[in-house]
């Protein structure tokens, strides 16, 4: 694994990680979910190690400070834990994703596959549905989130929103909430409210109806939708959730819906199985591309 630094047009340098190198023809870029980095989420290094061992480069793309770690006390287990995004700016999602895509393009990769996990999937849907460029050849959407539904099922949301609003009113928006946001992440008051109002990420509204599907319908490339059979944030029907998302695409018959048995939203304990699915998807994409071109 190599630490990479990706510059954004606004001057911020994003830190990511890369397995393999640009002597390989194909790269998979995965935009990580909220509170997710290569140290905290084993899904990312497991995928990077398997792909690079098969001559496919892999980039784990972090937004804002997802690469840094924040130590906090998890009283449910009585231990210190580290986690990622404390601050984020959801208004620059497009720019962040585009920066990683252009970084890969500048390195000279022949094939670019853009992937996402959890909220990272919502981010790549936003990018793919709005970009005028044709830099990306295929997509892999993993465990996306219907944010309208998500807000109704996560713990501590009402408390966190109230705390965030009070801190912002007091000009203390950069302070970390005293409660873990959603029960899983330390987060600043500003980031909580930005997240709540992130209309650009409400692009998977097949449960709540709160959002838009134009981004999915506007994606110009084909790809795959991957989800765990025990994903708990998609209304009890993971496969149906992904099939409904796929049906919003321009050519759903050209995409694949893949369910990883016994896997949760974060694929805990199933990271190798997830990585194997991603490898199989990439091989299938490349075989298809060769067949089409011949």
C-alpha atoms as a PDB file:
ATOM      1  CA  UNK A   1       0.000   0.000   0.000  1.00  0.00           C
ATOM      2  CA  UNK A   2       1.213   3.474  -0.924  1.00  0.00           C
ATOM      3  CA  UNK A   3      -0.169   6.696   0.503  1.00  0.00           C
ATOM      4  CA  UNK A   4      -1.281   9.029  -2.279  1.00  0.00           C
ATOM      5  CA  UNK A   5      -2.140  12.713  -2.228  1.00  0.00           C
ATOM      6  CA  UNK A   6      -4.826  13.957  -4.567  1.00  0.00           C
ATOM      7  CA  UNK A   7      -5.224  17.687  -5.143  1.00  0.00           C
ATOM      8  CA  UNK A   8      -8.661  19.243  -5.524  1.00  0.00           C
ATOM      9  CA  UNK A   9      -9.451  22.431  -7.491  1.00  0.00           C
ATOM     10  CA  UNK A  10     -10.221  24.231  -4.219  1.00  0.00           C
ATOM     11  CA  UNK A  11      -6.670  23.559  -3.024  1.00  0.00           C
ATOM     12  CA  UNK A  12      -7.428  20.877  -0.460  1.00  0.00           C
ATOM     13  CA  UNK A  13      -5.179  17.807  -0.621  1.00  0.00           C
ATOM     14  CA  UNK A  14      -7.023  14.524  -0.115  1.00  0.00           C
ATOM     15  CA  UNK A  15      -5.077  11.584   1.251  1.00  0.00           C
ATOM     16  CA  UNK A  16      -5.859   8.166  -0.157  1.00  0.00           C
ATOM     17  CA  UNK A  17      -4.163   4.817  -0.579  1.00  0.00           C
ATOM     18  CA  UNK A  18      -3.107   2.815  -3.603  1.00  0.00           C
ATOM     19  CA  UNK A  19      -2.248  -0.820  -4.249  1.00  0.00           C
ATOM     20  CA  UNK A  20      -0.431  -1.697  -7.454  1.00  0.00           C
ATOM     21  CA  UNK A  21       0.810   0.961  -9.858  1.00  0.00           C
ATOM     22  CA  UNK A  22       0.230   2.584 -13.217  1.00  0.00           C
ATOM     23  CA  UNK A  23       2.058  -0.147 -15.126  1.00  0.00           C
ATOM     24  CA  UNK A  24      -1.214  -2.030 -14.740  1.00  0.00           C
ATOM     25  CA  UNK A  25      -3.854  -1.256 -17.373  1.00  0.00           C
ATOM     26  CA  UNK A  26      -6.872  -1.219 -15.063  1.00  0.00           C
ATOM     27  CA  UNK A  27      -7.620   0.593 -11.827  1.00  0.00           C
ATOM     28  CA  UNK A  28     -10.577   0.379  -9.466  1.00  0.00           C
ATOM     29  CA  UNK A  29     -11.256   3.533  -7.438  1.00  0.00           C
ATOM     30  CA  UNK A  30     -13.438   3.021  -4.375  1.00  0.00           C
ATOM     31  CA  UNK A  31     -14.858   6.067  -2.635  1.00  0.00           C
ATOM     32  CA  UNK A  32     -15.173   5.101   1.011  1.00  0.00           C
ATOM     33  CA  UNK A  33     -18.262   5.581   3.135  1.00  0.00           C
ATOM     34  CA  UNK A  34     -18.653   8.043   5.954  1.00  0.00           C
ATOM     35  CA  UNK A  35     -16.388   7.270   8.923  1.00  0.00           C
ATOM     36  CA  UNK A  36     -14.367   4.886   6.765  1.00  0.00           C
ATOM     37  CA  UNK A  37     -10.654   4.728   5.970  1.00  0.00           C
ATOM     38  CA  UNK A  38      -8.039   2.089   5.187  1.00  0.00           C
ATOM     39  CA  UNK A  39      -7.127   1.681   8.858  1.00  0.00           C
ATOM     40  CA  UNK A  40     -10.671   1.478  10.178  1.00  0.00           C
ATOM     41  CA  UNK A  41     -12.384  -0.457   7.361  1.00  0.00           C
ATOM     42  CA  UNK A  42     -10.764  -3.803   6.474  1.00  0.00           C
ATOM     43  CA  UNK A  43     -12.931  -3.979   3.363  1.00  0.00           C
ATOM     44  CA  UNK A  44     -10.628  -1.519   1.593  1.00  0.00           C
ATOM     45  CA  UNK A  45      -7.221  -3.195   2.129  1.00  0.00           C
ATOM     46  CA  UNK A  46      -8.708  -6.660   1.543  1.00  0.00           C
ATOM     47  CA  UNK A  47      -9.924  -5.521  -1.873  1.00  0.00           C
ATOM     48  CA  UNK A  48      -6.713  -3.695  -2.687  1.00  0.00           C
ATOM     49  CA  UNK A  49      -4.535  -6.672  -1.834  1.00  0.00           C
ATOM     50  CA  UNK A  50      -6.558  -9.131  -3.911  1.00  0.00           C
ATOM     51  CA  UNK A  51      -6.885  -6.892  -6.953  1.00  0.00           C
ATOM     52  CA  UNK A  52      -3.229  -5.884  -7.031  1.00  0.00           C
ATOM     53  CA  UNK A  53      -2.243  -9.550  -6.724  1.00  0.00           C
ATOM     54  CA  UNK A  54      -4.217 -10.050  -9.930  1.00  0.00           C
ATOM     55  CA  UNK A  55      -2.541  -7.183 -11.802  1.00  0.00           C
ATOM     56  CA  UNK A  56      -5.344  -4.690 -11.151  1.00  0.00           C
ATOM     57  CA  UNK A  57      -4.502  -1.431  -9.379  1.00  0.00           C
ATOM     58  CA  UNK A  58      -6.726  -0.218  -6.569  1.00  0.00           C
ATOM     59  CA  UNK A  59      -7.253   3.228  -5.077  1.00  0.00           C
ATOM     60  CA  UNK A  60      -9.119   3.840  -1.832  1.00  0.00           C
ATOM     61  CA  UNK A  61     -10.485   7.355  -2.116  1.00  0.00           C
ATOM     62  CA  UNK A  62     -11.056   9.321   1.096  1.00  0.00           C
ATOM     63  CA  UNK A  63     -12.954  12.569   1.303  1.00  0.00           C
ATOM     64  CA  UNK A  64     -11.917  15.416   3.594  1.00  0.00           C
ATOM     65  CA  UNK A  65     -10.155  13.997   6.676  1.00  0.00           C
ATOM     66  CA  UNK A  66     -11.399  10.402   6.372  1.00  0.00           C
ATOM     67  CA  UNK A  67      -7.778   9.305   6.291  1.00  0.00           C
ATOM     68  CA  UNK A  68      -7.039  10.735   9.715  1.00  0.00           C
ATOM     69  CA  UNK A  69      -8.132   8.959  12.893  1.00  0.00           C
ATOM     70  CA  UNK A  70      -9.989  10.300  15.875  1.00  0.00           C
ATOM     71  CA  UNK A  71      -9.699   8.460  19.214  1.00  0.00           C
ATOM     72  CA  UNK A  72     -12.757   8.130  21.417  1.00  0.00           C
ATOM     73  CA  UNK A  73     -14.044   5.969  24.230  1.00  0.00           C
ATOM     74  CA  UNK A  74     -16.535   3.313  23.209  1.00  0.00           C
ATOM     75  CA  UNK A  75     -18.322   2.691  26.477  1.00  0.00           C
ATOM     76  CA  UNK A  76     -20.204  -0.288  25.015  1.00  0.00           C
ATOM     77  CA  UNK A  77     -16.933  -2.246  24.950  1.00  0.00           C
ATOM     78  CA  UNK A  78     -14.937  -0.243  27.487  1.00  0.00           C
ATOM     79  CA  UNK A  79     -12.095   0.497  25.083  1.00  0.00           C
ATOM     80  CA  UNK A  80     -10.578   3.279  23.036  1.00  0.00           C
ATOM     81  CA  UNK A  81     -11.384   3.155  19.345  1.00  0.00           C
ATOM     82  CA  UNK A  82     -10.318   5.124  16.286  1.00  0.00           C
ATOM     83  CA  UNK A  83     -12.617   6.296  13.553  1.00  0.00           C
ATOM     84  CA  UNK A  84     -12.603   8.553  10.522  1.00  0.00           C
ATOM     85  CA  UNK A  85     -14.604  11.499   9.252  1.00  0.00           C
ATOM     86  CA  UNK A  86     -15.264  14.058  11.955  1.00  0.00           C
ATOM     87  CA  UNK A  87     -15.519  16.894   9.465  1.00  0.00           C
ATOM     88  CA  UNK A  88     -16.899  16.689   5.959  1.00  0.00           C
ATOM     89  CA  UNK A  89     -18.310  19.033   3.346  1.00  0.00           C
ATOM     90  CA  UNK A  90     -20.988  17.338   1.294  1.00  0.00           C
ATOM     91  CA  UNK A  91     -21.347  20.256  -1.097  1.00  0.00           C
ATOM     92  CA  UNK A  92     -18.025  19.326  -2.741  1.00  0.00           C
ATOM     93  CA  UNK A  93     -18.769  15.628  -3.292  1.00  0.00           C
ATOM     94  CA  UNK A  94     -18.581  15.951  -7.087  1.00  0.00           C
ATOM     95  CA  UNK A  95     -15.228  17.702  -6.903  1.00  0.00           C
ATOM     96  CA  UNK A  96     -13.741  15.095  -4.566  1.00  0.00           C
ATOM     97  CA  UNK A  97     -14.774  12.148  -6.736  1.00  0.00           C
ATOM     98  CA  UNK A  98     -13.683  13.917  -9.901  1.00  0.00           C
ATOM     99  CA  UNK A  99     -10.266  14.603  -8.372  1.00  0.00           C
ATOM    100  CA  UNK A 100      -9.637  10.901  -7.846  1.00  0.00           C
ATOM    101  CA  UNK A 101     -10.856  10.032 -11.342  1.00  0.00           C
ATOM    102  CA  UNK A 102      -8.607  12.664 -12.921  1.00  0.00           C
ATOM    103  CA  UNK A 103      -5.703  11.502 -10.759  1.00  0.00           C
ATOM    104  CA  UNK A 104      -6.095   7.992 -12.209  1.00  0.00           C
ATOM    105  CA  UNK A 105      -6.493   9.415 -15.694  1.00  0.00           C
ATOM    106  CA  UNK A 106      -3.290  11.416 -15.362  1.00  0.00           C
ATOM    107  CA  UNK A 107      -1.441   8.290 -14.242  1.00  0.00           C
ATOM    108  CA  UNK A 108      -2.327   6.782 -17.613  1.00  0.00           C
ATOM    109  CA  UNK A 109      -4.628   3.906 -16.671  1.00  0.00           C
ATOM    110  CA  UNK A 110      -6.338   2.462 -19.722  1.00  0.00           C
ATOM    111  CA  UNK A 111      -9.444   1.308 -17.863  1.00  0.00           C
ATOM    112  CA  UNK A 112     -11.003   3.172 -14.927  1.00  0.00           C
ATOM    113  CA  UNK A 113     -13.687   1.493 -12.827  1.00  0.00           C
ATOM    114  CA  UNK A 114     -15.348   3.779 -10.300  1.00  0.00           C
ATOM    115  CA  UNK A 115     -16.711   2.088  -7.186  1.00  0.00           C
ATOM    116  CA  UNK A 116     -18.202   3.158  -3.900  1.00  0.00           C
ATOM    117  CA  UNK A 117     -19.201   1.667  -0.587  1.00  0.00           C
ATOM    118  CA  UNK A 118     -22.113   2.884   1.544  1.00  0.00           C
ATOM    119  CA  UNK A 119     -22.293   6.691   1.300  1.00  0.00           C
ATOM    120  CA  UNK A 120     -19.346   6.465  -1.104  1.00  0.00           C
ATOM    121  CA  UNK A 121     -21.769   4.817  -3.537  1.00  0.00           C
ATOM    122  CA  UNK A 122     -24.136   7.768  -3.298  1.00  0.00           C
ATOM    123  CA  UNK A 123     -21.148   9.985  -4.026  1.00  0.00           C
ATOM    124  CA  UNK A 124     -20.167   8.150  -7.206  1.00  0.00           C
ATOM    125  CA  UNK A 125     -23.796   8.059  -8.389  1.00  0.00           C
ATOM    126  CA  UNK A 126     -23.864  11.845  -7.997  1.00  0.00           C
ATOM    127  CA  UNK A 127     -20.641  12.169  -9.985  1.00  0.00           C
ATOM    128  CA  UNK A 128     -21.524   9.677 -12.727  1.00  0.00           C
ATOM    129  CA  UNK A 129     -24.990  11.120 -13.193  1.00  0.00           C
ATOM    130  CA  UNK A 130     -23.682  14.653 -13.648  1.00  0.00           C
ATOM    131  CA  UNK A 131     -20.265  14.455 -15.282  1.00  0.00           C
ATOM    132  CA  UNK A 132     -19.854  15.546 -18.915  1.00  0.00           C
ATOM    133  CA  UNK A 133     -16.636  13.515 -19.104  1.00  0.00           C
ATOM    134  CA  UNK A 134     -16.186   9.937 -20.273  1.00  0.00           C
ATOM    135  CA  UNK A 135     -13.194   9.000 -18.122  1.00  0.00           C
ATOM    136  CA  UNK A 136     -14.957   6.117 -16.329  1.00  0.00           C
ATOM    137  CA  UNK A 137     -15.530   2.819 -18.122  1.00  0.00           C
ATOM    138  CA  UNK A 138     -17.649   0.921 -15.566  1.00  0.00           C
ATOM    139  CA  UNK A 139     -19.129   1.372 -12.084  1.00  0.00           C
ATOM    140  CA  UNK A 140     -19.550  -0.789  -8.991  1.00  0.00           C
ATOM    141  CA  UNK A 141     -22.129   0.457  -6.488  1.00  0.00           C
ATOM    142  CA  UNK A 142     -21.893  -1.333  -3.119  1.00  0.00           C
ATOM    143  CA  UNK A 143     -24.340  -0.931  -0.221  1.00  0.00           C
ATOM    144  CA  UNK A 144     -25.717   2.505  -1.159  1.00  0.00           C
ATOM    145  CA  UNK A 145     -27.994   4.340   1.241  1.00  0.00           C
ATOM    146  CA  UNK A 146     -31.494   5.749   0.879  1.00  0.00           C
ATOM    147  CA  UNK A 147     -30.765   8.744   3.090  1.00  0.00           C
ATOM    148  CA  UNK A 148     -34.421   9.564   3.630  1.00  0.00           C
ATOM    149  CA  UNK A 149     -34.888   6.087   5.084  1.00  0.00           C
ATOM    150  CA  UNK A 150     -31.519   6.123   6.879  1.00  0.00           C
ATOM    151  CA  UNK A 151     -32.474   9.142   8.979  1.00  0.00           C
ATOM    152  CA  UNK A 152     -35.500   7.243  10.314  1.00  0.00           C
ATOM    153  CA  UNK A 153     -33.667   4.131  11.504  1.00  0.00           C
ATOM    154  CA  UNK A 154     -30.335   5.303  12.923  1.00  0.00           C
ATOM    155  CA  UNK A 155     -30.046   5.837  16.702  1.00  0.00           C
ATOM    156  CA  UNK A 156     -29.419   9.220  18.348  1.00  0.00           C
ATOM    157  CA  UNK A 157     -30.432  11.170  15.248  1.00  0.00           C
ATOM    158  CA  UNK A 158     -32.960  13.492  16.917  1.00  0.00           C
ATOM    159  CA  UNK A 159     -30.607  14.144  19.822  1.00  0.00           C
ATOM    160  CA  UNK A 160     -27.650  14.790  17.521  1.00  0.00           C
ATOM    161  CA  UNK A 161     -29.589  17.156  15.264  1.00  0.00           C
ATOM    162  CA  UNK A 162     -30.768  19.177  18.255  1.00  0.00           C
ATOM    163  CA  UNK A 163     -27.242  19.329  19.693  1.00  0.00           C
ATOM    164  CA  UNK A 164     -25.796  20.332  16.313  1.00  0.00           C
ATOM    165  CA  UNK A 165     -28.345  23.104  15.838  1.00  0.00           C
ATOM    166  CA  UNK A 166     -27.628  24.513  19.296  1.00  0.00           C
ATOM    167  CA  UNK A 167     -23.860  24.479  18.782  1.00  0.00           C
ATOM    168  CA  UNK A 168     -24.137  26.195  15.405  1.00  0.00           C
ATOM    169  CA  UNK A 169     -26.383  28.878  16.898  1.00  0.00           C
ATOM    170  CA  UNK A 170     -23.628  29.499  19.443  1.00  0.00           C
ATOM    171  CA  UNK A 171     -20.997  29.771  16.651  1.00  0.00           C
ATOM    172  CA  UNK A 172     -19.473  26.493  17.838  1.00  0.00           C
ATOM    173  CA  UNK A 173     -20.092  24.504  14.682  1.00  0.00           C
ATOM    174  CA  UNK A 174     -16.592  23.011  14.591  1.00  0.00           C
ATOM    175  CA  UNK A 175     -17.063  21.327  17.968  1.00  0.00           C
ATOM    176  CA  UNK A 176     -17.616  17.580  18.197  1.00  0.00           C
ATOM    177  CA  UNK A 177     -21.023  16.454  19.433  1.00  0.00           C
ATOM    178  CA  UNK A 178     -21.093  14.827  22.893  1.00  0.00           C
ATOM    179  CA  UNK A 179     -22.994  11.868  21.383  1.00  0.00           C
ATOM    180  CA  UNK A 180     -21.790   9.558  18.621  1.00  0.00           C
ATOM    181  CA  UNK A 181     -23.625  10.574  15.478  1.00  0.00           C
ATOM    182  CA  UNK A 182     -25.955   7.757  14.422  1.00  0.00           C
ATOM    183  CA  UNK A 183     -24.485   5.706  17.236  1.00  0.00           C
ATOM    184  CA  UNK A 184     -21.235   5.113  15.353  1.00  0.00           C
ATOM    185  CA  UNK A 185     -19.224   8.261  14.656  1.00  0.00           C
ATOM    186  CA  UNK A 186     -17.859  11.367  16.369  1.00  0.00           C
ATOM    187  CA  UNK A 187     -18.863  14.289  14.167  1.00  0.00           C
ATOM    188  CA  UNK A 188     -18.776  18.065  14.244  1.00  0.00           C
ATOM    189  CA  UNK A 189     -21.994  20.040  14.483  1.00  0.00           C
ATOM    190  CA  UNK A 190     -21.445  21.582  11.045  1.00  0.00           C
ATOM    191  CA  UNK A 191     -20.883  18.185   9.443  1.00  0.00           C
ATOM    192  CA  UNK A 192     -24.065  16.768  10.991  1.00  0.00           C
ATOM    193  CA  UNK A 193     -26.214  19.552   9.581  1.00  0.00           C
ATOM    194  CA  UNK A 194     -24.447  19.433   6.205  1.00  0.00           C
ATOM    195  CA  UNK A 195     -25.087  15.703   6.069  1.00  0.00           C
ATOM    196  CA  UNK A 196     -28.754  16.133   6.967  1.00  0.00           C
ATOM    197  CA  UNK A 197     -29.203  18.717   4.209  1.00  0.00           C
ATOM    198  CA  UNK A 198     -27.135  16.930   1.531  1.00  0.00           C
ATOM    199  CA  UNK A 199     -29.759  16.852  -1.216  1.00  0.00           C
ATOM    200  CA  UNK A 200     -27.101  15.869  -3.763  1.00  0.00           C
ATOM    201  CA  UNK A 201     -26.707  12.496  -2.019  1.00  0.00           C
ATOM    202  CA  UNK A 202     -30.413  11.650  -1.887  1.00  0.00           C
ATOM    203  CA  UNK A 203     -30.132   9.687  -5.120  1.00  0.00           C
ATOM    204  CA  UNK A 204     -31.278   6.241  -3.953  1.00  0.00           C
ATOM    205  CA  UNK A 205     -34.822   7.046  -2.718  1.00  0.00           C
ATOM    206  CA  UNK A 206     -36.491   3.736  -3.558  1.00  0.00           C
ATOM    207  CA  UNK A 207     -37.701   3.204   0.035  1.00  0.00           C
ATOM    208  CA  UNK A 208     -38.455   6.709   1.288  1.00  0.00           C
ATOM    209  CA  UNK A 209     -39.329   8.443  -1.971  1.00  0.00           C
ATOM    210  CA  UNK A 210     -37.297  11.370  -0.639  1.00  0.00           C
ATOM    211  CA  UNK A 211     -34.857  12.347  -3.378  1.00  0.00           C
ATOM    212  CA  UNK A 212     -34.236  11.950  -7.086  1.00  0.00           C
ATOM    213  CA  UNK A 213     -33.391   9.125  -9.479  1.00  0.00           C
ATOM    214  CA  UNK A 214     -32.283  11.334 -12.376  1.00  0.00           C
ATOM    215  CA  UNK A 215     -28.652  10.742 -11.446  1.00  0.00           C
ATOM    216  CA  UNK A 216     -29.050   6.985 -11.812  1.00  0.00           C
ATOM    217  CA  UNK A 217     -30.919   7.438 -15.093  1.00  0.00           C
ATOM    218  CA  UNK A 218     -28.168   9.719 -16.426  1.00  0.00           C
ATOM    219  CA  UNK A 219     -25.240   7.340 -15.822  1.00  0.00           C
ATOM    220  CA  UNK A 220     -23.666   6.675 -19.209  1.00  0.00           C
ATOM    221  CA  UNK A 221     -21.736   3.490 -18.400  1.00  0.00           C
ATOM    222  CA  UNK A 222     -22.733   0.006 -17.277  1.00  0.00           C
ATOM    223  CA  UNK A 223     -21.748  -1.737 -14.096  1.00  0.00           C
ATOM    224  CA  UNK A 224     -22.737  -3.777 -11.070  1.00  0.00           C
ATOM    225  CA  UNK A 225     -24.722  -3.348  -7.867  1.00  0.00           C
ATOM    226  CA  UNK A 226     -23.323  -5.306  -4.898  1.00  0.00           C
ATOM    227  CA  UNK A 227     -24.987  -5.776  -1.518  1.00  0.00           C
ATOM    228  CA  UNK A 228     -24.921  -8.120   1.465  1.00  0.00           C
ATOM    229  CA  UNK A 229     -27.913 -10.379   2.054  1.00  0.00           C
ATOM    230  CA  UNK A 230     -28.075  -9.101   5.649  1.00  0.00           C
ATOM    231  CA  UNK A 231     -27.738  -5.381   4.927  1.00  0.00           C
ATOM    232  CA  UNK A 232     -29.841  -3.819   7.683  1.00  0.00           C
ATOM    233  CA  UNK A 233     -30.356  -0.324   6.267  1.00  0.00           C
ATOM    234  CA  UNK A 234     -32.319  -1.134   3.117  1.00  0.00           C
ATOM    235  CA  UNK A 235     -35.769  -1.950   4.428  1.00  0.00           C
ATOM    236  CA  UNK A 236     -35.483  -5.708   4.827  1.00  0.00           C
ATOM    237  CA  UNK A 237     -35.056  -6.633   1.154  1.00  0.00           C
ATOM    238  CA  UNK A 238     -31.442  -6.043   0.058  1.00  0.00           C
ATOM    239  CA  UNK A 239     -31.773  -7.692  -3.356  1.00  0.00           C
ATOM    240  CA  UNK A 240     -35.048  -5.912  -4.096  1.00  0.00           C
ATOM    241  CA  UNK A 241     -33.527  -2.603  -3.044  1.00  0.00           C
ATOM    242  CA  UNK A 242     -30.679  -2.996  -5.519  1.00  0.00           C
ATOM    243  CA  UNK A 243     -32.942  -4.240  -8.289  1.00  0.00           C
ATOM    244  CA  UNK A 244     -35.128  -1.150  -7.848  1.00  0.00           C
ATOM    245  CA  UNK A 245     -32.045   1.065  -8.100  1.00  0.00           C
ATOM    246  CA  UNK A 246     -30.891  -0.757 -11.200  1.00  0.00           C
ATOM    247  CA  UNK A 247     -34.304  -0.312 -12.781  1.00  0.00           C
ATOM    248  CA  UNK A 248     -33.770   3.438 -12.535  1.00  0.00           C
ATOM    249  CA  UNK A 249     -30.758   3.143 -14.854  1.00  0.00           C
ATOM    250  CA  UNK A 250     -30.902   3.718 -18.591  1.00  0.00           C
ATOM    251  CA  UNK A 251     -30.077   0.103 -19.502  1.00  0.00           C
ATOM    252  CA  UNK A 252     -30.722  -2.083 -16.424  1.00  0.00           C
ATOM    253  CA  UNK A 253     -30.482  -5.247 -18.490  1.00  0.00           C
ATOM    254  CA  UNK A 254     -26.801  -4.503 -19.079  1.00  0.00           C
ATOM    255  CA  UNK A 255     -25.981  -4.258 -15.352  1.00  0.00           C
ATOM    256  CA  UNK A 256     -25.601  -6.957 -12.721  1.00  0.00           C
ATOM    257  CA  UNK A 257     -27.100  -7.220  -9.239  1.00  0.00           C
ATOM    258  CA  UNK A 258     -24.929  -9.329  -6.946  1.00  0.00           C
ATOM    259  CA  UNK A 259     -25.846 -10.405  -3.413  1.00  0.00           C
ATOM    260  CA  UNK A 260     -23.079 -11.562  -1.061  1.00  0.00           C
ATOM    261  CA  UNK A 261     -24.559 -14.267   1.208  1.00  0.00           C
ATOM    262  CA  UNK A 262     -24.650 -13.600   4.967  1.00  0.00           C
ATOM    263  CA  UNK A 263     -22.926 -10.226   4.552  1.00  0.00           C
ATOM    264  CA  UNK A 264     -23.914  -7.066   6.436  1.00  0.00           C
ATOM    265  CA  UNK A 265     -23.895  -3.448   5.274  1.00  0.00           C
ATOM    266  CA  UNK A 266     -20.160  -3.194   6.019  1.00  0.00           C
ATOM    267  CA  UNK A 267     -19.433  -6.809   4.984  1.00  0.00           C
ATOM    268  CA  UNK A 268     -18.025  -7.522   8.447  1.00  0.00           C
ATOM    269  CA  UNK A 269     -16.331 -10.929   8.405  1.00  0.00           C
ATOM    270  CA  UNK A 270     -16.961 -11.148   4.662  1.00  0.00           C
ATOM    271  CA  UNK A 271     -14.262  -8.844   3.357  1.00  0.00           C
ATOM    272  CA  UNK A 272     -12.502 -11.547   1.360  1.00  0.00           C
ATOM    273  CA  UNK A 273     -15.797 -12.629  -0.172  1.00  0.00           C
ATOM    274  CA  UNK A 274     -16.530  -9.030  -1.123  1.00  0.00           C
ATOM    275  CA  UNK A 275     -13.064  -8.604  -2.627  1.00  0.00           C
ATOM    276  CA  UNK A 276     -13.559 -11.770  -4.679  1.00  0.00           C
ATOM    277  CA  UNK A 277     -16.836 -10.387  -6.034  1.00  0.00           C
ATOM    278  CA  UNK A 278     -15.117  -7.147  -7.060  1.00  0.00           C
ATOM    279  CA  UNK A 279     -12.346  -9.098  -8.786  1.00  0.00           C
ATOM    280  CA  UNK A 280     -14.909 -11.191 -10.645  1.00  0.00           C
ATOM    281  CA  UNK A 281     -16.763  -8.027 -11.711  1.00  0.00           C
ATOM    282  CA  UNK A 282     -13.584  -6.454 -13.070  1.00  0.00           C
ATOM    283  CA  UNK A 283     -12.701  -9.588 -15.047  1.00  0.00           C
ATOM    284  CA  UNK A 284     -16.225  -9.685 -16.455  1.00  0.00           C
ATOM    285  CA  UNK A 285     -16.021  -6.012 -17.448  1.00  0.00           C
ATOM    286  CA  UNK A 286     -12.716  -6.524 -19.220  1.00  0.00           C
ATOM    287  CA  UNK A 287     -13.941  -9.656 -21.028  1.00  0.00           C
ATOM    288  CA  UNK A 288     -17.001  -7.756 -22.167  1.00  0.00           C
ATOM    289  CA  UNK A 289     -14.916  -4.808 -23.332  1.00  0.00           C
ATOM    290  CA  UNK A 290     -12.642  -7.063 -25.396  1.00  0.00           C
ATOM    291  CA  UNK A 291     -15.651  -8.831 -26.957  1.00  0.00           C
ATOM    292  CA  UNK A 292     -17.325  -5.527 -27.857  1.00  0.00           C
ATOM    293  CA  UNK A 293     -14.168  -4.100 -29.387  1.00  0.00           C
ATOM    294  CA  UNK A 294     -13.540  -7.246 -31.401  1.00  0.00           C
END
